Amino acid sequence: MTSYIIIRGQRGGGKTTSCVALLKELEKKAEYSRLFKMDWVPTEKLATITDYTYADFIAVLILNGKEIVIISAGIFRDDLEALLN
């Protein structure tokens, strides 16, 4: 079974900031964590646009044997489906 949580909102509403907060908490307990840019290129740290604004990212974690993927992106449903396939 696959489950999704989708956070939607207006630009500047804090969606990516919420994803960053979730990522940082999950990383503390994860057995594995890998961060990617939106084109699936691995990166070592979250990119920032300004001092307090993060760029979109993809994170893959394993926590208690379960795979967790966080995709923080201002993309539409069709784009998300293409990204995941």
Protein backbone atom coordinates (compact mmCIF):
# COMPACT_ATOMS: atom_id res chain seq x y z
CA MET A 1 0.00 0.00 0.00
CA THR A 2 1.28 3.43 -0.95
CA SER A 3 0.23 6.51 0.96
CA TYR A 4 0.71 10.16 0.09
CA ILE A 5 0.43 13.39 2.00
CA ILE A 6 0.12 16.42 -0.23
CA ILE A 7 0.59 19.91 1.12
CA ARG A 8 -0.85 22.58 -1.13
CA GLY A 9 -0.95 26.31 -0.76
CA GLN A 10 -0.12 29.65 -2.23
CA ARG A 11 3.37 30.74 -3.08
CA GLY A 12 5.19 31.78 0.07
CA GLY A 13 2.78 29.85 2.27
CA GLY A 14 5.47 27.73 3.93
CA LYS A 15 5.11 24.41 2.11
CA THR A 16 8.83 23.88 1.53
CA THR A 17 9.65 25.20 5.00
CA SER A 18 7.26 22.59 6.45
CA CYS A 19 8.93 19.86 4.35
CA VAL A 20 12.36 20.98 5.58
CA ALA A 21 11.18 20.81 9.21
CA LEU A 22 9.77 17.31 8.62
CA LEU A 23 12.99 16.19 6.91
CA LYS A 24 15.19 17.47 9.73
CA GLU A 25 13.12 15.63 12.35
CA LEU A 26 12.99 12.36 10.39
CA GLU A 27 16.72 12.47 9.65
CA LYS A 28 17.43 12.26 13.39
CA LYS A 29 15.92 8.76 13.51
CA ALA A 30 16.43 7.50 9.96
CA GLU A 31 18.71 4.60 9.15
CA TYR A 32 19.35 6.15 5.73
CA SER A 33 18.87 9.60 4.28
CA ARG A 34 19.74 10.99 0.85
CA LEU A 35 19.03 14.44 -0.52
CA PHE A 36 18.53 15.29 -4.20
CA LYS A 37 17.94 18.33 -6.35
CA MET A 38 14.75 18.26 -8.41
CA ASP A 39 16.50 16.54 -11.32
CA TRP A 40 17.52 13.63 -9.03
CA VAL A 41 21.14 14.84 -8.79
CA PRO A 42 22.47 14.00 -5.32
CA THR A 43 23.44 16.93 -3.12
CA GLU A 44 24.97 17.23 0.33
CA LYS A 45 22.82 20.04 1.72
CA LEU A 46 19.59 21.89 1.16
CA ALA A 47 19.92 24.77 -1.28
CA THR A 48 18.63 28.14 -0.21
CA ILE A 49 17.18 30.92 -2.32
CA THR A 50 17.48 33.48 0.47
CA ASP A 51 18.62 33.21 4.08
CA TYR A 52 15.24 31.80 5.09
CA THR A 53 13.81 30.33 1.87
CA TYR A 54 14.72 26.83 0.67
CA ALA A 55 14.81 25.61 -2.92
CA ASP A 56 12.67 22.63 -3.94
CA PHE A 57 14.18 19.24 -3.16
CA ILE A 58 13.63 15.48 -3.01
CA ALA A 59 14.63 13.47 0.05
CA VAL A 60 14.66 9.69 0.41
CA LEU A 61 14.80 8.19 3.89
CA ILE A 62 14.49 4.77 5.48
CA LEU A 63 12.93 4.85 8.91
CA ASN A 64 12.07 1.67 10.79
CA GLY A 65 12.50 -0.26 7.54
CA LYS A 66 9.99 1.93 5.66
CA GLU A 67 10.86 4.05 2.65
CA ILE A 68 9.85 7.69 2.93
CA VAL A 69 10.12 10.13 0.05
CA ILE A 70 9.63 13.85 0.56
CA ILE A 71 9.16 15.89 -2.59
CA SER A 72 9.06 19.59 -2.00
CA ALA A 73 8.10 21.13 -5.30
CA GLY A 74 5.72 23.68 -6.69
CA ILE A 75 4.65 21.29 -9.43
CA PHE A 76 1.29 20.09 -10.67
CA ARG A 77 -0.14 16.59 -10.44
CA ASP A 78 0.86 15.53 -13.99
CA ASP A 79 4.42 16.70 -13.41
CA LEU A 80 4.56 14.81 -10.10
CA GLU A 81 3.35 11.60 -11.74
CA ALA A 82 6.01 11.95 -14.46
CA LEU A 83 8.68 12.55 -11.83
CA LEU A 84 7.72 9.41 -9.91
CA ASN A 85 7.54 7.14 -12.96
